[in-house]
Amino acid sequence: TNDEILNKSSKTAARVFGRLKLIKNDLDIFNKLIIAETNSIVNVLAAFLLLKASGNIVAEKETTIDIVTLSESVKDLVNLPNLISQLIDDPIYRKHLFYREKLIIMIAKSDTVRRNGRGAESSQEEASGKLYAMLEQFKNKYPELKNLKIHGFSGGGAALQRGGGRVAEVAHNHGRIARYFHAKTIGPSLLTIQGHQMQILFSPSSIALNTLESLVAQNLHARAQTELK
């Protein structure tokens, strides 16, 4: 890629591309590429192409980057199970999952509610629950994905993230949803760090450690409750 031509065409694109080229120099600085408003398989495949063009490894054993879909509207949430099914059928995406062993679905908690009202919360849970339950279907269709886990990624926004601080509830809610939709297992929950969470996680070590222990314990409990129900 000619950086000079790209910079003349779009300074923003050149800046983003330049940052992506730095990833391979220090793998610890970047491990997720989150695609905002993901609504098509094209969005994800374009992300693969962008990473490949910037010199990063995708769909190979040495890959360290997870491609994360971010749903930000009820329309996107309703389409999410179908979108992930299409992606699983794509050989490049499936090969990438084979090496990463994790499928991360991120949901914008507040943006979906802001756009569509409080009822959007039910769509958030339904989309997550359906995907947790679809994991066995994916494994049966593609045995190479036998070690795959689905991780719910809470994009923050609700009072839980902006003032509530009870981070352990994220894993609890994901476990509850997985059980309701009869999923057989659930991967560890992920969440953004913002608001009151920062005060807890970056506070004196005793408080931070207690918070992290609570989060780990609730993740283990959510998985156990799902698998042993």
Protein backbone atom coordinates (compact mmCIF):
# COMPACT_ATOMS: atom_id res chain seq x y z
CA THR A 1 0.00 0.00 0.00
CA ASN A 2 1.31 3.44 -0.96
CA ASP A 3 1.04 5.54 2.21
CA GLU A 4 1.52 8.81 0.34
CA ILE A 5 -1.37 8.14 -2.04
CA LEU A 6 -3.60 7.02 0.84
CA ASN A 7 -2.77 10.15 2.84
CA LYS A 8 -3.73 12.38 -0.08
CA SER A 9 -7.00 10.49 -0.55
CA SER A 10 -8.05 10.48 3.12
CA LYS A 11 -5.98 11.61 6.09
CA THR A 12 -8.29 9.76 8.49
CA ALA A 13 -7.96 6.48 6.57
CA ALA A 14 -4.20 6.93 6.41
CA ARG A 15 -4.01 7.51 10.17
CA VAL A 16 -6.11 4.42 10.97
CA PHE A 17 -4.18 2.28 8.51
CA GLY A 18 -0.91 3.50 9.99
CA ARG A 19 -2.02 2.45 13.46
CA LEU A 20 -3.03 -0.99 12.22
CA LYS A 21 0.45 -1.42 10.77
CA LEU A 22 1.92 -0.92 14.24
CA ILE A 23 0.08 -3.89 15.77
CA LYS A 24 2.59 -6.48 14.59
CA ASN A 25 5.38 -4.56 16.36
CA ASP A 26 3.79 -5.01 19.81
CA LEU A 27 1.04 -7.62 20.01
CA ASP A 28 0.18 -6.62 23.59
CA ILE A 29 -1.24 -3.24 22.55
CA PHE A 30 -4.14 -4.60 20.51
CA ASN A 31 -6.15 -7.82 20.56
CA LYS A 32 -9.63 -6.92 19.30
CA LEU A 33 -10.94 -5.22 16.18
CA ILE A 34 -14.47 -4.06 17.01
CA ILE A 35 -16.68 -3.31 14.01
CA ALA A 36 -19.26 -0.64 14.85
CA GLU A 37 -22.82 -1.16 13.60
CA THR A 38 -22.06 -4.55 12.09
CA ASN A 39 -24.97 -5.47 9.83
CA SER A 40 -23.42 -7.49 7.01
CA ILE A 41 -20.88 -10.23 6.46
CA VAL A 42 -19.15 -7.73 4.15
CA ASN A 43 -18.25 -5.58 7.18
CA VAL A 44 -16.35 -8.46 8.76
CA LEU A 45 -14.61 -9.66 5.61
CA ALA A 46 -13.53 -6.07 4.90
CA ALA A 47 -11.96 -5.98 8.37
CA PHE A 48 -10.01 -9.14 7.55
CA LEU A 49 -8.80 -7.54 4.33
CA LEU A 50 -7.77 -4.37 6.16
CA LEU A 51 -5.78 -6.32 8.73
CA LYS A 52 -4.15 -8.42 6.04
CA ALA A 53 -3.24 -5.36 3.98
CA SER A 54 -1.65 -3.73 7.03
CA GLY A 55 0.64 -6.70 7.57
CA ASN A 56 -1.26 -8.49 10.33
CA ILE A 57 -1.89 -12.23 10.56
CA VAL A 58 -5.47 -13.43 10.14
CA ALA A 59 -6.93 -16.93 9.86
CA GLU A 60 -3.56 -18.48 10.68
CA LYS A 61 -2.10 -20.16 13.75
CA GLU A 62 -0.12 -17.08 14.84
CA THR A 63 -3.10 -14.73 14.82
CA THR A 64 -3.68 -12.79 18.05
CA ILE A 65 -6.61 -10.58 17.01
CA ASP A 66 -10.29 -11.24 17.62
CA ILE A 67 -12.82 -9.78 15.18
CA VAL A 68 -15.75 -8.48 17.24
CA THR A 69 -19.20 -7.65 15.87
CA LEU A 70 -20.92 -4.71 17.59
CA SER A 71 -24.72 -4.49 17.39
CA GLU A 72 -26.12 -1.00 18.04
CA SER A 73 -29.82 -1.20 17.11
CA VAL A 74 -32.74 -3.58 17.50
CA LYS A 75 -32.59 -4.25 13.77
CA ASP A 76 -28.97 -5.37 14.12
CA LEU A 77 -29.81 -7.48 17.17
CA VAL A 78 -32.66 -9.27 15.41
CA ASN A 79 -30.34 -10.04 12.50
CA LEU A 80 -27.36 -11.02 14.67
CA PRO A 81 -27.98 -14.81 14.85
CA ASN A 82 -28.42 -14.95 11.08
CA LEU A 83 -25.31 -12.81 10.54
CA ILE A 84 -23.16 -15.04 12.74
CA SER A 85 -24.49 -18.14 10.97
CA GLN A 86 -23.45 -16.66 7.63
CA LEU A 87 -20.02 -15.81 9.01
CA ILE A 88 -19.54 -19.31 10.38
CA ASP A 89 -20.21 -20.67 6.89
CA ASP A 90 -17.44 -18.47 5.46
CA PRO A 91 -14.20 -20.51 5.31
CA ILE A 92 -11.90 -17.58 6.16
CA TYR A 93 -13.88 -16.50 9.20
CA ARG A 94 -14.29 -20.10 10.34
CA LYS A 95 -10.57 -20.73 10.04
CA HIS A 96 -9.90 -17.61 12.11
CA LEU A 97 -12.29 -18.87 14.81
CA PHE A 98 -10.57 -22.26 14.74
CA TYR A 99 -7.29 -20.66 15.78
CA ARG A 100 -8.74 -18.10 18.23
CA GLU A 101 -11.29 -20.53 19.79
CA LYS A 102 -13.56 -17.64 20.74
CA LEU A 103 -16.50 -15.88 19.13
CA ILE A 104 -17.13 -12.46 20.70
CA ILE A 105 -20.47 -10.71 20.26
CA MET A 106 -20.58 -7.14 21.56
CA ILE A 107 -23.85 -5.35 22.28
CA ALA A 108 -24.12 -1.59 22.78
CA LYS A 109 -26.29 -1.50 25.89
CA SER A 110 -27.26 2.17 25.91
CA ASP A 111 -27.20 2.90 22.17
CA THR A 112 -29.82 0.27 21.37
CA VAL A 113 -32.05 1.64 24.15
CA ARG A 114 -31.45 5.24 23.07
CA ARG A 115 -32.42 4.41 19.50
CA ASN A 116 -35.30 2.03 20.15
CA GLY A 117 -36.55 2.58 23.71
CA ARG A 118 -36.46 0.46 26.85
CA GLY A 119 -37.97 -2.51 25.05
CA ALA A 120 -34.65 -2.92 23.27
CA GLU A 121 -33.28 -4.66 26.35
CA SER A 122 -35.37 -7.74 25.57
CA SER A 123 -33.86 -7.81 22.06
CA GLN A 124 -30.39 -7.65 23.61
CA GLU A 125 -31.11 -10.70 25.75
CA GLU A 126 -32.84 -12.62 22.97
CA ALA A 127 -29.96 -12.13 20.53
CA SER A 128 -27.40 -13.24 23.11
CA GLY A 129 -29.45 -16.21 24.25
CA LYS A 130 -30.06 -17.50 20.74
CA LEU A 131 -26.36 -17.38 19.94
CA TYR A 132 -25.34 -19.14 23.14
CA ALA A 133 -27.80 -21.89 22.23
CA MET A 134 -26.57 -22.08 18.61
CA LEU A 135 -23.04 -23.02 19.64
CA GLU A 136 -23.75 -26.76 19.54
CA GLN A 137 -25.26 -26.36 16.07
CA PHE A 138 -22.05 -24.71 14.87
CA LYS A 139 -19.90 -27.46 16.41
CA ASN A 140 -21.99 -30.23 14.89
CA LYS A 141 -21.81 -28.66 11.45
CA TYR A 142 -18.10 -27.89 11.67
CA PRO A 143 -16.26 -30.34 14.00
CA GLU A 144 -13.08 -28.26 13.77
CA LEU A 145 -14.82 -25.70 16.00
CA LYS A 146 -15.11 -28.18 18.89
CA ASN A 147 -13.17 -25.84 21.23
CA LEU A 148 -15.12 -22.72 20.32
CA LYS A 149 -16.66 -20.60 23.07
CA ILE A 150 -19.12 -17.73 22.67
CA HIS A 151 -18.33 -14.66 24.76
CA GLY A 152 -20.94 -12.01 25.48
CA PHE A 153 -19.32 -8.56 25.47
CA SER A 154 -21.29 -5.87 27.33
CA GLY A 155 -20.69 -2.51 25.68
CA GLY A 156 -21.50 -0.59 28.83
CA GLY A 157 -23.95 2.27 28.92
CA ALA A 158 -26.46 1.08 31.52
CA ALA A 159 -26.35 2.23 35.14
CA LEU A 160 -24.31 -0.89 35.87
CA GLN A 161 -21.38 0.60 33.99
CA ARG A 162 -21.95 4.31 34.57
CA GLY A 163 -22.23 4.53 38.31
CA GLY A 164 -23.50 1.15 39.50
CA GLY A 165 -20.14 -0.56 39.53
CA ARG A 166 -21.50 -4.07 40.19
CA VAL A 167 -19.51 -5.60 37.38
CA ALA A 168 -20.17 -9.18 38.50
CA GLU A 169 -23.81 -8.81 37.43
CA VAL A 170 -22.75 -8.88 33.76
CA ALA A 171 -21.68 -12.52 33.97
CA HIS A 172 -24.71 -13.36 36.10
CA ASN A 173 -27.11 -11.93 33.50
CA HIS A 174 -25.36 -13.69 30.63
CA GLY A 175 -25.60 -16.98 32.51
CA ARG A 176 -29.28 -16.44 33.22
CA ILE A 177 -29.95 -15.74 29.54
CA ALA A 178 -27.96 -18.80 28.42
CA ARG A 179 -29.95 -21.06 30.74
CA TYR A 180 -33.26 -19.60 29.59
CA PHE A 181 -32.40 -20.44 25.96
CA HIS A 182 -31.14 -23.92 26.94
CA ALA A 183 -27.53 -23.33 25.96
CA LYS A 184 -25.14 -26.11 26.98
CA THR A 185 -22.23 -23.86 27.94
CA ILE A 186 -21.15 -20.23 28.04
CA GLY A 187 -17.81 -18.49 27.60
CA PRO A 188 -16.46 -15.87 30.04
CA SER A 189 -18.25 -12.53 29.85
CA LEU A 190 -16.39 -9.42 28.71
CA LEU A 191 -17.17 -5.79 29.47
CA THR A 192 -15.86 -2.33 28.78
CA ILE A 193 -14.20 -0.33 31.55
CA GLN A 194 -15.77 3.06 32.14
CA GLY A 195 -17.43 5.20 34.77
CA HIS A 196 -17.48 3.81 38.28
CA GLN A 197 -15.71 0.64 37.13
CA MET A 198 -12.51 2.64 36.75
CA GLN A 199 -12.71 3.81 40.35
CA ILE A 200 -13.03 0.19 41.48
CA LEU A 201 -10.55 -1.55 39.21
CA PHE A 202 -7.85 1.09 39.62
CA SER A 203 -8.39 1.70 43.32
CA PRO A 204 -6.23 0.32 46.20
CA SER A 205 -5.16 -3.24 45.46
CA SER A 206 -7.38 -4.86 48.10
CA ILE A 207 -10.55 -3.35 46.60
CA ALA A 208 -9.49 -4.04 43.01
CA LEU A 209 -8.60 -7.64 43.85
CA ASN A 210 -11.96 -8.21 45.54
CA THR A 211 -13.77 -6.87 42.47
CA LEU A 212 -11.80 -9.04 40.06
CA GLU A 213 -12.30 -12.11 42.25
CA SER A 214 -16.05 -11.44 42.26
CA LEU A 215 -16.09 -11.15 38.47
CA VAL A 216 -14.15 -14.40 38.02
CA ALA A 217 -16.35 -16.20 40.54
CA GLN A 218 -19.53 -15.06 38.84
CA ASN A 219 -18.20 -16.18 35.44
CA LEU A 220 -17.43 -19.62 36.87
CA HIS A 221 -20.85 -19.76 38.51
CA ALA A 222 -22.61 -18.75 35.27
CA ARG A 223 -20.83 -21.50 33.33
CA ALA A 224 -21.44 -24.14 36.00
CA GLN A 225 -25.12 -23.26 36.28
CA THR A 226 -25.46 -23.50 32.49
CA GLU A 227 -23.62 -26.81 32.09
CA LEU A 228 -25.08 -28.52 35.17
CA LYS A 229 -28.70 -27.40 34.87
